[in-house]
């Protein structure tokens, strides 16, 4: 019985540590977003109609993460204008954090992105 209680406690502590680690990644992603992206895409992720696309509820953001990573790294030209690439300004961890943030912020619920995924997109 004591062993079961100890195992349950360790499992709960492990979950708390994991949640804290995810929280710091989410906070870093939010910080990167606020510093680099919010001016155009707005802090609420709604963008500016006909100027900058909304990220909240955007199927592109919620779909395959690879095109989102590529867009953040290399920029994008589209109907609304151009987005600059951030590959020279943000490291793999920062890109992973900000992409994870936009995929999980507001009402978005998509899988997290890792620094290894970003490194692969860079061709490292």
PDB file of N, CA and C in Angstrom:
ATOM      1  N   UNK A   1       0.827  -1.199   0.000  1.00  0.00           N
ATOM      2  CA  UNK A   1       0.000   0.000   0.000  1.00  0.00           C
ATOM      3  C   UNK A   1       0.870   1.260   0.000  1.00  0.00           C
ATOM      4  N   UNK A   2       1.939   1.268   0.864  1.00  0.00           N
ATOM      5  CA  UNK A   2       2.821   2.426   0.907  1.00  0.00           C
ATOM      6  C   UNK A   2       3.490   2.659  -0.439  1.00  0.00           C
ATOM      7  N   UNK A   3       3.872   1.549  -1.094  1.00  0.00           N
ATOM      8  CA  UNK A   3       4.524   1.661  -2.400  1.00  0.00           C
ATOM      9  C   UNK A   3       3.575   2.304  -3.408  1.00  0.00           C
ATOM     10  N   UNK A   4       2.315   1.939  -3.377  1.00  0.00           N
ATOM     11  CA  UNK A   4       1.323   2.514  -4.282  1.00  0.00           C
ATOM     12  C   UNK A   4       1.178   4.019  -4.036  1.00  0.00           C
ATOM     13  N   UNK A   5       1.134   4.427  -2.792  1.00  0.00           N
ATOM     14  CA  UNK A   5       1.025   5.844  -2.441  1.00  0.00           C
ATOM     15  C   UNK A   5       2.262   6.604  -2.921  1.00  0.00           C
ATOM     16  N   UNK A   6       3.437   6.022  -2.725  1.00  0.00           N
ATOM     17  CA  UNK A   6       4.676   6.671  -3.162  1.00  0.00           C
ATOM     18  C   UNK A   6       4.683   6.826  -4.680  1.00  0.00           C
ATOM     19  N   UNK A   7       4.299   5.770  -5.394  1.00  0.00           N
ATOM     20  CA  UNK A   7       4.264   5.833  -6.856  1.00  0.00           C
ATOM     21  C   UNK A   7       3.268   6.881  -7.351  1.00  0.00           C
ATOM     22  N   UNK A   8       2.123   6.961  -6.727  1.00  0.00           N
ATOM     23  CA  UNK A   8       1.128   7.974  -7.097  1.00  0.00           C
ATOM     24  C   UNK A   8       1.665   9.386  -6.867  1.00  0.00           C
ATOM     25  N   UNK A   9       2.321   9.596  -5.737  1.00  0.00           N
ATOM     26  CA  UNK A   9       2.897  10.908  -5.437  1.00  0.00           C
ATOM     27  C   UNK A   9       3.975  11.276  -6.449  1.00  0.00           C
ATOM     28  N   UNK A  10       4.837  10.322  -6.785  1.00  0.00           N
ATOM     29  CA  UNK A  10       5.886  10.591  -7.773  1.00  0.00           C
ATOM     30  C   UNK A  10       5.279  10.916  -9.131  1.00  0.00           C
ATOM     31  N   UNK A  11       4.222  10.215  -9.487  1.00  0.00           N
ATOM     32  CA  UNK A  11       3.541  10.489 -10.751  1.00  0.00           C
ATOM     33  C   UNK A  11       2.951  11.886 -10.775  1.00  0.00           C
ATOM     34  N   UNK A  12       2.347  12.297  -9.660  1.00  0.00           N
ATOM     35  CA  UNK A  12       1.786  13.647  -9.578  1.00  0.00           C
ATOM     36  C   UNK A  12       2.874  14.701  -9.641  1.00  0.00           C
ATOM     37  N   UNK A  13       3.991  14.481  -8.942  1.00  0.00           N
ATOM     38  CA  UNK A  13       5.094  15.439  -8.984  1.00  0.00           C
ATOM     39  C   UNK A  13       5.685  15.534 -10.372  1.00  0.00           C
ATOM     40  N   UNK A  14       5.801  14.408 -11.067  1.00  0.00           N
ATOM     41  CA  UNK A  14       6.308  14.416 -12.439  1.00  0.00           C
ATOM     42  C   UNK A  14       5.389  15.216 -13.351  1.00  0.00           C
ATOM     43  N   UNK A  15       4.090  15.079 -13.154  1.00  0.00           N
ATOM     44  CA  UNK A  15       3.124  15.844 -13.945  1.00  0.00           C
ATOM     45  C   UNK A  15       3.228  17.327 -13.679  1.00  0.00           C
ATOM     46  N   UNK A  16       3.454  17.697 -12.421  1.00  0.00           N
ATOM     47  CA  UNK A  16       3.627  19.112 -12.078  1.00  0.00           C
ATOM     48  C   UNK A  16       4.875  19.663 -12.741  1.00  0.00           C
ATOM     49  N   UNK A  17       5.983  18.923 -12.694  1.00  0.00           N
ATOM     50  CA  UNK A  17       7.226  19.379 -13.324  1.00  0.00           C
ATOM     51  C   UNK A  17       7.047  19.530 -14.822  1.00  0.00           C
ATOM     52  N   UNK A  18       6.339  18.578 -15.455  1.00  0.00           N
ATOM     53  CA  UNK A  18       6.099  18.662 -16.888  1.00  0.00           C
ATOM     54  C   UNK A  18       5.247  19.879 -17.203  1.00  0.00           C
ATOM     55  N   UNK A  19       4.220  20.120 -16.435  1.00  0.00           N
ATOM     56  CA  UNK A  19       3.358  21.274 -16.674  1.00  0.00           C
ATOM     57  C   UNK A  19       4.132  22.581 -16.509  1.00  0.00           C
ATOM     58  N   UNK A  20       5.023  22.645 -15.510  1.00  0.00           N
ATOM     59  CA  UNK A  20       5.813  23.856 -15.317  1.00  0.00           C
ATOM     60  C   UNK A  20       6.748  24.082 -16.484  1.00  0.00           C
ATOM     61  N   UNK A  21       7.351  23.016 -17.007  1.00  0.00           N
ATOM     62  CA  UNK A  21       8.231  23.134 -18.166  1.00  0.00           C
ATOM     63  C   UNK A  21       7.473  23.617 -19.379  1.00  0.00           C
ATOM     64  N   UNK A  22       6.261  23.109 -19.585  1.00  0.00           N
ATOM     65  CA  UNK A  22       5.442  23.548 -20.708  1.00  0.00           C
ATOM     66  C   UNK A  22       5.020  24.992 -20.515  1.00  0.00           C
ATOM     67  N   UNK A  23       4.738  25.367 -19.279  1.00  0.00           N
ATOM     68  CA  UNK A  23       4.338  26.744 -19.012  1.00  0.00           C
ATOM     69  C   UNK A  23       5.430  27.722 -19.385  1.00  0.00           C
ATOM     70  N   UNK A  24       6.671  27.394 -19.077  1.00  0.00           N
ATOM     71  CA  UNK A  24       7.750  28.313 -19.401  1.00  0.00           C
ATOM     72  C   UNK A  24       7.945  28.412 -20.915  1.00  0.00           C
ATOM     73  N   UNK A  25       7.762  27.297 -21.640  1.00  0.00           N
ATOM     74  CA  UNK A  25       7.859  27.339 -23.103  1.00  0.00           C
ATOM     75  C   UNK A  25       6.729  28.198 -23.667  1.00  0.00           C
ATOM     76  N   UNK A  26       5.528  28.034 -23.127  1.00  0.00           N
ATOM     77  CA  UNK A  26       4.396  28.833 -23.583  1.00  0.00           C
ATOM     78  C   UNK A  26       4.621  30.311 -23.266  1.00  0.00           C
ATOM     79  N   UNK A  27       5.170  30.590 -22.098  1.00  0.00           N
ATOM     80  CA  UNK A  27       5.454  31.985 -21.743  1.00  0.00           C
ATOM     81  C   UNK A  27       6.509  32.566 -22.660  1.00  0.00           C
ATOM     82  N   UNK A  28       7.547  31.782 -22.976  1.00  0.00           N
ATOM     83  CA  UNK A  28       8.569  32.265 -23.896  1.00  0.00           C
ATOM     84  C   UNK A  28       7.949  32.526 -25.269  1.00  0.00           C
ATOM     85  N   UNK A  29       7.112  31.611 -25.736  1.00  0.00           N
ATOM     86  CA  UNK A  29       6.453  31.795 -27.024  1.00  0.00           C
ATOM     87  C   UNK A  29       5.589  33.033 -27.049  1.00  0.00           C
ATOM     88  N   UNK A  30       4.884  33.279 -25.965  1.00  0.00           N
ATOM     89  CA  UNK A  30       4.053  34.480 -25.891  1.00  0.00           C
ATOM     90  C   UNK A  30       4.931  35.722 -25.922  1.00  0.00           C
ATOM     91  N   UNK A  31       6.057  35.670 -25.217  1.00  0.00           N
ATOM     92  CA  UNK A  31       6.977  36.811 -25.225  1.00  0.00           C
ATOM     93  C   UNK A  31       7.534  37.087 -26.614  1.00  0.00           C
ATOM     94  N   UNK A  32       7.940  36.027 -27.309  1.00  0.00           N
ATOM     95  CA  UNK A  32       8.451  36.179 -28.683  1.00  0.00           C
ATOM     96  C   UNK A  32       7.352  36.747 -29.575  1.00  0.00           C
ATOM     97  N   UNK A  33       6.137  36.241 -29.413  1.00  0.00           N
ATOM     98  CA  UNK A  33       5.004  36.722 -30.209  1.00  0.00           C
ATOM     99  C   UNK A  33       4.752  38.208 -29.950  1.00  0.00           C
ATOM    100  N   UNK A  34       4.664  38.581 -28.678  1.00  0.00           N
ATOM    101  CA  UNK A  34       4.376  39.975 -28.342  1.00  0.00           C
ATOM    102  C   UNK A  34       5.467  40.912 -28.866  1.00  0.00           C
ATOM    103  N   UNK A  35       6.706  40.457 -28.831  1.00  0.00           N
ATOM    104  CA  UNK A  35       7.834  41.283 -29.262  1.00  0.00           C
ATOM    105  C   UNK A  35       7.950  41.395 -30.780  1.00  0.00           C
ATOM    106  N   UNK A  36       7.566  40.343 -31.509  1.00  0.00           N
ATOM    107  CA  UNK A  36       7.842  40.298 -32.938  1.00  0.00           C
ATOM    108  C   UNK A  36       6.618  40.210 -33.849  1.00  0.00           C
ATOM    109  N   UNK A  37       5.521  39.707 -33.346  1.00  0.00           N
ATOM    110  CA  UNK A  37       4.390  39.370 -34.218  1.00  0.00           C
ATOM    111  C   UNK A  37       3.111  40.150 -33.931  1.00  0.00           C
ATOM    112  N   UNK A  38       2.926  40.554 -32.687  1.00  0.00           N
ATOM    113  CA  UNK A  38       1.649  41.133 -32.263  1.00  0.00           C
ATOM    114  C   UNK A  38       1.336  42.459 -32.949  1.00  0.00           C
ATOM    115  N   UNK A  39       2.357  43.181 -33.370  1.00  0.00           N
ATOM    116  CA  UNK A  39       2.092  44.459 -34.024  1.00  0.00           C
ATOM    117  C   UNK A  39       1.223  44.258 -35.271  1.00  0.00           C
ATOM    118  N   UNK A  40       1.464  43.175 -35.987  1.00  0.00           N
ATOM    119  CA  UNK A  40       0.676  42.903 -37.197  1.00  0.00           C
ATOM    120  C   UNK A  40      -0.507  41.974 -36.917  1.00  0.00           C
ATOM    121  N   UNK A  41      -0.255  40.887 -36.197  1.00  0.00           N
ATOM    122  CA  UNK A  41      -1.291  39.867 -35.991  1.00  0.00           C
ATOM    123  C   UNK A  41      -2.139  40.128 -34.756  1.00  0.00           C
ATOM    124  N   UNK A  42      -1.827  41.186 -34.002  1.00  0.00           N
ATOM    125  CA  UNK A  42      -2.552  41.627 -32.810  1.00  0.00           C
ATOM    126  C   UNK A  42      -2.371  40.647 -31.659  1.00  0.00           C
ATOM    127  N   UNK A  43      -2.395  41.151 -30.460  1.00  0.00           N
ATOM    128  CA  UNK A  43      -2.223  40.325 -29.256  1.00  0.00           C
ATOM    129  C   UNK A  43      -3.327  39.289 -29.102  1.00  0.00           C
ATOM    130  N   UNK A  44      -4.493  39.576 -29.669  1.00  0.00           N
ATOM    131  CA  UNK A  44      -5.612  38.639 -29.576  1.00  0.00           C
ATOM    132  C   UNK A  44      -5.623  37.627 -30.713  1.00  0.00           C
ATOM    133  N   UNK A  45      -4.622  37.688 -31.620  1.00  0.00           N
ATOM    134  CA  UNK A  45      -4.532  36.748 -32.723  1.00  0.00           C
ATOM    135  C   UNK A  45      -5.514  36.985 -33.844  1.00  0.00           C
ATOM    136  N   UNK A  46      -6.249  38.090 -33.789  1.00  0.00           N
ATOM    137  CA  UNK A  46      -7.281  38.364 -34.793  1.00  0.00           C
ATOM    138  C   UNK A  46      -6.765  39.095 -36.030  1.00  0.00           C
ATOM    139  N   UNK A  47      -5.509  39.533 -36.020  1.00  0.00           N
ATOM    140  CA  UNK A  47      -4.953  40.225 -37.185  1.00  0.00           C
ATOM    141  C   UNK A  47      -5.691  41.514 -37.487  1.00  0.00           C
ATOM    142  N   UNK A  48      -5.453  42.027 -38.669  1.00  0.00           N
ATOM    143  CA  UNK A  48      -6.163  43.209 -39.154  1.00  0.00           C
ATOM    144  C   UNK A  48      -6.785  42.840 -40.492  1.00  0.00           C
ATOM    145  N   UNK A  49      -8.113  42.854 -40.591  1.00  0.00           N
ATOM    146  CA  UNK A  49      -8.775  42.429 -41.826  1.00  0.00           C
ATOM    147  C   UNK A  49      -8.187  43.114 -43.060  1.00  0.00           C
ATOM    148  N   UNK A  50      -7.984  42.318 -44.097  1.00  0.00           N
ATOM    149  CA  UNK A  50      -7.465  42.771 -45.392  1.00  0.00           C
ATOM    150  C   UNK A  50      -6.031  43.294 -45.321  1.00  0.00           C
ATOM    151  N   UNK A  51      -5.381  43.167 -44.164  1.00  0.00           N
ATOM    152  CA  UNK A  51      -4.000  43.623 -44.036  1.00  0.00           C
ATOM    153  C   UNK A  51      -3.097  42.513 -43.511  1.00  0.00           C
ATOM    154  N   UNK A  52      -3.414  41.977 -42.328  1.00  0.00           N
ATOM    155  CA  UNK A  52      -2.638  40.911 -41.705  1.00  0.00           C
ATOM    156  C   UNK A  52      -3.602  39.808 -41.294  1.00  0.00           C
ATOM    157  N   UNK A  53      -3.329  38.557 -41.681  1.00  0.00           N
ATOM    158  CA  UNK A  53      -4.291  37.484 -41.393  1.00  0.00           C
ATOM    159  C   UNK A  53      -4.401  37.161 -39.905  1.00  0.00           C
ATOM    160  N   UNK A  54      -5.598  36.755 -39.548  1.00  0.00           N
ATOM    161  CA  UNK A  54      -5.838  36.269 -38.188  1.00  0.00           C
ATOM    162  C   UNK A  54      -5.117  34.943 -38.007  1.00  0.00           C
ATOM    163  N   UNK A  55      -4.599  34.710 -36.819  1.00  0.00           N
ATOM    164  CA  UNK A  55      -3.971  33.434 -36.482  1.00  0.00           C
ATOM    165  C   UNK A  55      -4.927  32.564 -35.670  1.00  0.00           C
ATOM    166  N   UNK A  56      -5.826  33.195 -34.940  1.00  0.00           N
ATOM    167  CA  UNK A  56      -6.817  32.471 -34.166  1.00  0.00           C
ATOM    168  C   UNK A  56      -7.809  31.809 -35.116  1.00  0.00           C
ATOM    169  N   UNK A  57      -8.037  30.529 -34.926  1.00  0.00           N
ATOM    170  CA  UNK A  57      -8.978  29.731 -35.725  1.00  0.00           C
ATOM    171  C   UNK A  57      -8.556  29.619 -37.190  1.00  0.00           C
ATOM    172  N   UNK A  58      -7.296  29.897 -37.494  1.00  0.00           N
ATOM    173  CA  UNK A  58      -6.811  29.837 -38.870  1.00  0.00           C
ATOM    174  C   UNK A  58      -6.446  28.385 -39.217  1.00  0.00           C
ATOM    175  N   UNK A  59      -7.092  27.785 -40.231  1.00  0.00           N
ATOM    176  CA  UNK A  59      -6.801  26.398 -40.594  1.00  0.00           C
ATOM    177  C   UNK A  59      -5.327  26.166 -40.953  1.00  0.00           C
ATOM    178  N   UNK A  60      -4.664  27.157 -41.532  1.00  0.00           N
ATOM    179  CA  UNK A  60      -3.240  27.035 -41.858  1.00  0.00           C
ATOM    180  C   UNK A  60      -2.424  26.842 -40.584  1.00  0.00           C
ATOM    181  N   UNK A  61      -2.705  27.641 -39.569  1.00  0.00           N
ATOM    182  CA  UNK A  61      -1.993  27.562 -38.287  1.00  0.00           C
ATOM    183  C   UNK A  61      -2.283  26.243 -37.586  1.00  0.00           C
ATOM    184  N   UNK A  62      -3.507  25.763 -37.684  1.00  0.00           N
ATOM    185  CA  UNK A  62      -3.938  24.560 -36.974  1.00  0.00           C
ATOM    186  C   UNK A  62      -3.584  23.262 -37.697  1.00  0.00           C
ATOM    187  N   UNK A  63      -3.207  23.343 -38.964  1.00  0.00           N
ATOM    188  CA  UNK A  63      -2.897  22.152 -39.752  1.00  0.00           C
ATOM    189  C   UNK A  63      -1.489  21.653 -39.520  1.00  0.00           C
ATOM    190  N   UNK A  64      -0.903  21.098 -40.557  1.00  0.00           N
ATOM    191  CA  UNK A  64       0.467  20.575 -40.515  1.00  0.00           C
ATOM    192  C   UNK A  64       1.404  21.672 -40.014  1.00  0.00           C
ATOM    193  N   UNK A  65       2.209  21.409 -38.979  1.00  0.00           N
ATOM    194  CA  UNK A  65       3.071  22.465 -38.445  1.00  0.00           C
ATOM    195  C   UNK A  65       4.233  22.849 -39.368  1.00  0.00           C
ATOM    196  N   UNK A  66       4.628  21.963 -40.286  1.00  0.00           N
ATOM    197  CA  UNK A  66       5.787  22.259 -41.126  1.00  0.00           C
ATOM    198  C   UNK A  66       5.625  23.526 -41.970  1.00  0.00           C
ATOM    199  N   UNK A  67       4.495  23.759 -42.640  1.00  0.00           N
ATOM    200  CA  UNK A  67       4.347  25.015 -43.383  1.00  0.00           C
ATOM    201  C   UNK A  67       4.339  26.255 -42.480  1.00  0.00           C
ATOM    202  N   UNK A  68       3.851  26.098 -41.262  1.00  0.00           N
ATOM    203  CA  UNK A  68       3.849  27.219 -40.321  1.00  0.00           C
ATOM    204  C   UNK A  68       5.284  27.548 -39.915  1.00  0.00           C
ATOM    205  N   UNK A  69       6.059  26.506 -39.616  1.00  0.00           N
ATOM    206  CA  UNK A  69       7.470  26.699 -39.279  1.00  0.00           C
ATOM    207  C   UNK A  69       8.190  27.369 -40.445  1.00  0.00           C
ATOM    208  N   UNK A  70       7.965  26.871 -41.653  1.00  0.00           N
ATOM    209  CA  UNK A  70       8.616  27.435 -42.847  1.00  0.00           C
ATOM    210  C   UNK A  70       8.232  28.897 -43.040  1.00  0.00           C
ATOM    211  N   UNK A  71       6.992  29.241 -42.761  1.00  0.00           N
ATOM    212  CA  UNK A  71       6.546  30.627 -42.901  1.00  0.00           C
ATOM    213  C   UNK A  71       7.249  31.538 -41.901  1.00  0.00           C
ATOM    214  N   UNK A  72       7.352  31.087 -40.664  1.00  0.00           N
ATOM    215  CA  UNK A  72       8.041  31.898 -39.655  1.00  0.00           C
ATOM    216  C   UNK A  72       9.518  32.048 -40.028  1.00  0.00           C
ATOM    217  N   UNK A  73      10.131  30.978 -40.480  1.00  0.00           N
ATOM    218  CA  UNK A  73      11.550  31.043 -40.841  1.00  0.00           C
ATOM    219  C   UNK A  73      11.807  31.897 -42.081  1.00  0.00           C
ATOM    220  N   UNK A  74      11.026  31.678 -43.127  1.00  0.00           N
ATOM    221  CA  UNK A  74      11.336  32.249 -44.441  1.00  0.00           C
ATOM    222  C   UNK A  74      10.443  33.400 -44.872  1.00  0.00           C
ATOM    223  N   UNK A  75       9.386  33.659 -44.121  1.00  0.00           N
ATOM    224  CA  UNK A  75       8.453  34.701 -44.516  1.00  0.00           C
ATOM    225  C   UNK A  75       7.475  34.164 -45.546  1.00  0.00           C
ATOM    226  N   UNK A  76       6.609  35.049 -46.008  1.00  0.00           N
ATOM    227  CA  UNK A  76       5.583  34.625 -46.960  1.00  0.00           C
ATOM    228  C   UNK A  76       5.027  35.832 -47.687  1.00  0.00           C
ATOM    229  N   UNK A  77       4.805  35.662 -48.973  1.00  0.00           N
ATOM    230  CA  UNK A  77       4.125  36.688 -49.767  1.00  0.00           C
ATOM    231  C   UNK A  77       2.756  36.139 -50.119  1.00  0.00           C
ATOM    232  N   UNK A  78       1.758  36.989 -49.989  1.00  0.00           N
ATOM    233  CA  UNK A  78       0.398  36.539 -50.275  1.00  0.00           C
ATOM    234  C   UNK A  78      -0.491  37.680 -50.691  1.00  0.00           C
ATOM    235  N   UNK A  79      -1.783  37.422 -50.697  1.00  0.00           N
ATOM    236  CA  UNK A  79      -2.773  38.421 -51.114  1.00  0.00           C
ATOM    237  C   UNK A  79      -2.761  39.672 -50.246  1.00  0.00           C
ATOM    238  N   UNK A  80      -2.385  39.503 -48.990  1.00  0.00           N
ATOM    239  CA  UNK A  80      -2.415  40.630 -48.060  1.00  0.00           C
ATOM    240  C   UNK A  80      -1.071  41.344 -47.963  1.00  0.00           C
ATOM    241  N   UNK A  81      -0.069  40.885 -48.696  1.00  0.00           N
ATOM    242  CA  UNK A  81       1.250  41.505 -48.613  1.00  0.00           C
ATOM    243  C   UNK A  81       2.303  40.483 -48.236  1.00  0.00           C
ATOM    244  N   UNK A  82       3.302  40.926 -47.540  1.00  0.00           N
ATOM    245  CA  UNK A  82       4.420  40.041 -47.214  1.00  0.00           C
ATOM    246  C   UNK A  82       4.690  40.020 -45.722  1.00  0.00           C
ATOM    247  N   UNK A  83       5.084  38.844 -45.248  1.00  0.00           N
ATOM    248  CA  UNK A  83       5.537  38.679 -43.870  1.00  0.00           C
ATOM    249  C   UNK A  83       7.036  38.442 -43.930  1.00  0.00           C
ATOM    250  N   UNK A  84       7.800  39.107 -43.089  1.00  0.00           N
ATOM    251  CA  UNK A  84       9.252  38.887 -43.113  1.00  0.00           C
ATOM    252  C   UNK A  84       9.612  37.516 -42.543  1.00  0.00           C
ATOM    253  N   UNK A  85      10.736  37.000 -42.966  1.00  0.00           N
ATOM    254  CA  UNK A  85      11.275  35.775 -42.387  1.00  0.00           C
ATOM    255  C   UNK A  85      12.038  36.107 -41.113  1.00  0.00           C
ATOM    256  N   UNK A  86      12.030  35.173 -40.183  1.00  0.00           N
ATOM    257  CA  UNK A  86      12.663  35.402 -38.884  1.00  0.00           C
ATOM    258  C   UNK A  86      13.855  34.479 -38.642  1.00  0.00           C
ATOM    259  N   UNK A  87      14.297  33.732 -39.666  1.00  0.00           N
ATOM    260  CA  UNK A  87      15.368  32.745 -39.456  1.00  0.00           C
ATOM    261  C   UNK A  87      16.680  33.356 -38.995  1.00  0.00           C
ATOM    262  N   UNK A  88      16.932  34.609 -39.346  1.00  0.00           N
ATOM    263  CA  UNK A  88      18.176  35.258 -38.923  1.00  0.00           C
ATOM    264  C   UNK A  88      18.056  35.952 -37.569  1.00  0.00           C
ATOM    265  N   UNK A  89      16.823  36.080 -37.068  1.00  0.00           N
ATOM    266  CA  UNK A  89      16.593  36.807 -35.816  1.00  0.00           C
ATOM    267  C   UNK A  89      16.211  35.919 -34.637  1.00  0.00           C
ATOM    268  N   UNK A  90      15.646  34.751 -34.930  1.00  0.00           N
ATOM    269  CA  UNK A  90      15.172  33.853 -33.872  1.00  0.00           C
ATOM    270  C   UNK A  90      15.865  32.507 -33.987  1.00  0.00           C
ATOM    271  N   UNK A  91      16.264  31.935 -32.847  1.00  0.00           N
ATOM    272  CA  UNK A  91      16.883  30.607 -32.866  1.00  0.00           C
ATOM    273  C   UNK A  91      15.787  29.531 -32.898  1.00  0.00           C
ATOM    274  N   UNK A  92      16.216  28.278 -33.016  1.00  0.00           N
ATOM    275  CA  UNK A  92      15.263  27.168 -33.152  1.00  0.00           C
ATOM    276  C   UNK A  92      14.300  27.083 -31.973  1.00  0.00           C
ATOM    277  N   UNK A  93      14.814  27.301 -30.783  1.00  0.00           N
ATOM    278  CA  UNK A  93      13.971  27.230 -29.584  1.00  0.00           C
ATOM    279  C   UNK A  93      12.923  28.351 -29.591  1.00  0.00           C
ATOM    280  N   UNK A  94      13.318  29.544 -30.001  1.00  0.00           N
ATOM    281  CA  UNK A  94      12.375  30.668 -30.059  1.00  0.00           C
ATOM    282  C   UNK A  94      11.303  30.437 -31.117  1.00  0.00           C
ATOM    283  N   UNK A  95      11.707  29.941 -32.279  1.00  0.00           N
ATOM    284  CA  UNK A  95      10.730  29.659 -33.338  1.00  0.00           C
ATOM    285  C   UNK A  95       9.765  28.578 -32.871  1.00  0.00           C
ATOM    286  N   UNK A  96      10.291  27.510 -32.271  1.00  0.00           N
ATOM    287  CA  UNK A  96       9.425  26.443 -31.761  1.00  0.00           C
ATOM    288  C   UNK A  96       8.447  26.996 -30.724  1.00  0.00           C
ATOM    289  N   UNK A  97       8.927  27.849 -29.847  1.00  0.00           N
ATOM    290  CA  UNK A  97       8.069  28.409 -28.801  1.00  0.00           C
ATOM    291  C   UNK A  97       6.972  29.286 -29.388  1.00  0.00           C
ATOM    292  N   UNK A  98       7.320  30.138 -30.348  1.00  0.00           N
ATOM    293  CA  UNK A  98       6.301  31.042 -30.901  1.00  0.00           C
ATOM    294  C   UNK A  98       5.306  30.285 -31.765  1.00  0.00           C
ATOM    295  N   UNK A  99       5.764  29.284 -32.518  1.00  0.00           N
ATOM    296  CA  UNK A  99       4.823  28.498 -33.315  1.00  0.00           C
ATOM    297  C   UNK A  99       3.910  27.686 -32.392  1.00  0.00           C
ATOM    298  N   UNK A 100       4.479  27.125 -31.345  1.00  0.00           N
ATOM    299  CA  UNK A 100       3.650  26.414 -30.369  1.00  0.00           C
ATOM    300  C   UNK A 100       2.633  27.376 -29.758  1.00  0.00           C
ATOM    301  N   UNK A 101       3.082  28.562 -29.413  1.00  0.00           N
ATOM    302  CA  UNK A 101       2.171  29.546 -28.822  1.00  0.00           C
ATOM    303  C   UNK A 101       0.998  29.845 -29.755  1.00  0.00           C
ATOM    304  N   UNK A 102       1.280  30.165 -31.022  1.00  0.00           N
ATOM    305  CA  UNK A 102       0.166  30.533 -31.912  1.00  0.00           C
ATOM    306  C   UNK A 102      -0.730  29.331 -32.212  1.00  0.00           C
ATOM    307  N   UNK A 103      -0.200  28.114 -32.110  1.00  0.00           N
ATOM    308  CA  UNK A 103      -1.010  26.913 -32.341  1.00  0.00           C
ATOM    309  C   UNK A 103      -1.842  26.537 -31.115  1.00  0.00           C
ATOM    310  N   UNK A 104      -1.525  27.151 -29.944  1.00  0.00           N
ATOM    311  CA  UNK A 104      -2.246  26.793 -28.720  1.00  0.00           C
ATOM    312  C   UNK A 104      -2.884  27.977 -28.015  1.00  0.00           C
ATOM    313  N   UNK A 105      -2.673  29.182 -28.506  1.00  0.00           N
ATOM    314  CA  UNK A 105      -3.229  30.375 -27.848  1.00  0.00           C
ATOM    315  C   UNK A 105      -4.672  30.610 -28.299  1.00  0.00           C
ATOM    316  N   UNK A 106      -5.321  31.512 -27.583  1.00  0.00           N
ATOM    317  CA  UNK A 106      -6.685  31.935 -27.898  1.00  0.00           C
ATOM    318  C   UNK A 106      -7.595  30.714 -27.921  1.00  0.00           C
ATOM    319  N   UNK A 107      -8.258  30.410 -29.021  1.00  0.00           N
ATOM    320  CA  UNK A 107      -9.090  29.199 -29.074  1.00  0.00           C
ATOM    321  C   UNK A 107      -8.405  28.080 -29.849  1.00  0.00           C
ATOM    322  N   UNK A 108      -7.161  28.282 -30.262  1.00  0.00           N
ATOM    323  CA  UNK A 108      -6.427  27.260 -31.010  1.00  0.00           C
ATOM    324  C   UNK A 108      -6.020  26.106 -30.102  1.00  0.00           C
ATOM    325  N   UNK A 109      -6.093  24.893 -30.625  1.00  0.00           N
ATOM    326  CA  UNK A 109      -5.693  23.695 -29.887  1.00  0.00           C
ATOM    327  C   UNK A 109      -5.002  22.746 -30.864  1.00  0.00           C
ATOM    328  N   UNK A 110      -3.731  22.998 -31.133  1.00  0.00           N
ATOM    329  CA  UNK A 110      -2.953  22.143 -32.033  1.00  0.00           C
ATOM    330  C   UNK A 110      -1.688  21.684 -31.313  1.00  0.00           C
ATOM    331  N   UNK A 111      -1.053  20.682 -31.861  1.00  0.00           N
ATOM    332  CA  UNK A 111       0.128  20.082 -31.237  1.00  0.00           C
ATOM    333  C   UNK A 111       1.286  21.069 -31.144  1.00  0.00           C
ATOM    334  N   UNK A 112       2.100  20.868 -30.131  1.00  0.00           N
ATOM    335  CA  UNK A 112       3.295  21.690 -29.922  1.00  0.00           C
ATOM    336  C   UNK A 112       4.330  21.399 -30.998  1.00  0.00           C
ATOM    337  N   UNK A 113       5.253  22.322 -31.139  1.00  0.00           N
ATOM    338  CA  UNK A 113       6.368  22.215 -32.082  1.00  0.00           C
ATOM    339  C   UNK A 113       7.649  22.184 -31.262  1.00  0.00           C
ATOM    340  N   UNK A 114       8.618  21.388 -31.698  1.00  0.00           N
ATOM    341  CA  UNK A 114       9.890  21.279 -30.979  1.00  0.00           C
ATOM    342  C   UNK A 114      11.004  21.996 -31.727  1.00  0.00           C
ATOM    343  N   UNK A 115      12.063  22.294 -31.001  1.00  0.00           N
ATOM    344  CA  UNK A 115      13.244  22.903 -31.616  1.00  0.00           C
ATOM    345  C   UNK A 115      13.857  21.967 -32.660  1.00  0.00           C
ATOM    346  N   UNK A 116      13.740  20.662 -32.442  1.00  0.00           N
ATOM    347  CA  UNK A 116      14.258  19.693 -33.411  1.00  0.00           C
ATOM    348  C   UNK A 116      13.483  19.784 -34.737  1.00  0.00           C
ATOM    349  N   UNK A 117      12.187  20.020 -34.672  1.00  0.00           N
ATOM    350  CA  UNK A 117      11.393  20.189 -35.887  1.00  0.00           C
ATOM    351  C   UNK A 117      11.833  21.434 -36.644  1.00  0.00           C
ATOM    352  N   UNK A 118      12.131  22.493 -35.907  1.00  0.00           N
ATOM    353  CA  UNK A 118      12.585  23.738 -36.526  1.00  0.00           C
ATOM    354  C   UNK A 118      13.968  23.534 -37.150  1.00  0.00           C
ATOM    355  N   UNK A 119      14.853  22.874 -36.432  1.00  0.00           N
ATOM    356  CA  UNK A 119      16.199  22.598 -36.960  1.00  0.00           C
ATOM    357  C   UNK A 119      16.099  21.796 -38.250  1.00  0.00           C
ATOM    358  N   UNK A 120      15.204  20.812 -38.298  1.00  0.00           N
ATOM    359  CA  UNK A 120      15.027  20.019 -39.518  1.00  0.00           C
ATOM    360  C   UNK A 120      14.521  20.893 -40.667  1.00  0.00           C
ATOM    361  N   UNK A 121      13.624  21.817 -40.371  1.00  0.00           N
ATOM    362  CA  UNK A 121      13.114  22.722 -41.407  1.00  0.00           C
ATOM    363  C   UNK A 121      14.212  23.651 -41.919  1.00  0.00           C
ATOM    364  N   UNK A 122      15.156  23.974 -41.070  1.00  0.00           N
ATOM    365  CA  UNK A 122      16.291  24.809 -41.481  1.00  0.00           C
ATOM    366  C   UNK A 122      17.307  24.002 -42.298  1.00  0.00           C
ATOM    367  N   UNK A 123      17.202  22.668 -42.213  1.00  0.00           N
ATOM    368  CA  UNK A 123      18.136  21.809 -42.911  1.00  0.00           C
ATOM    369  C   UNK A 123      19.393  21.501 -42.098  1.00  0.00           C
ATOM    370  N   UNK A 124      19.291  21.618 -40.783  1.00  0.00           N
ATOM    371  CA  UNK A 124      20.433  21.329 -39.902  1.00  0.00           C
ATOM    372  C   UNK A 124      20.594  19.851 -39.698  1.00  0.00           C
TER     373      UNK A 124
END
